[in-house]
């Protein structure tokens, strides 16, 4: 099931963000690992202000992954922005990420977005492959990517 995150999900979201930071740091030692306090502060801000929103995917009451996202406008056109998509290590490779992206792309289409953007670190080859297989156009350096809706 995919649903919007709530404050009751805070500890699990913090855990997922932390796991993501550690994974990215393993791939690239230049990636900073945020403190739990920083992660908590940022996550609470997302949950309160609704500019950046979070959807989670869960099964049997366990949160297996999440995506934080926003919608912005450029030149009068609405664009969906996938900020972070994080799947719990034990749930990777089981299509939960694809389910989240499918859900969010449909959501963006319903909100009349014309394009969706995201970002991936250059050293995260698995993530780059995921996005490329999904039909996203990666920039030359592999960091910025987009897809027309």
Foldseek 3Di string as FASTA:
>chain_A
DKDWDAPVCLVVQLVQLQVVQVVVCVLPVVRDRDDSVVSSVVVVCCNPPVQWTKMFDDDPPDTFWMWIWHWDDDPRAIEIETEDTTGHPVCPPVCPSVVVVVVVVVVCVVVRHFKYKYFDQLRPVVVLVVCVVVPWDADPSRTIIMDTD
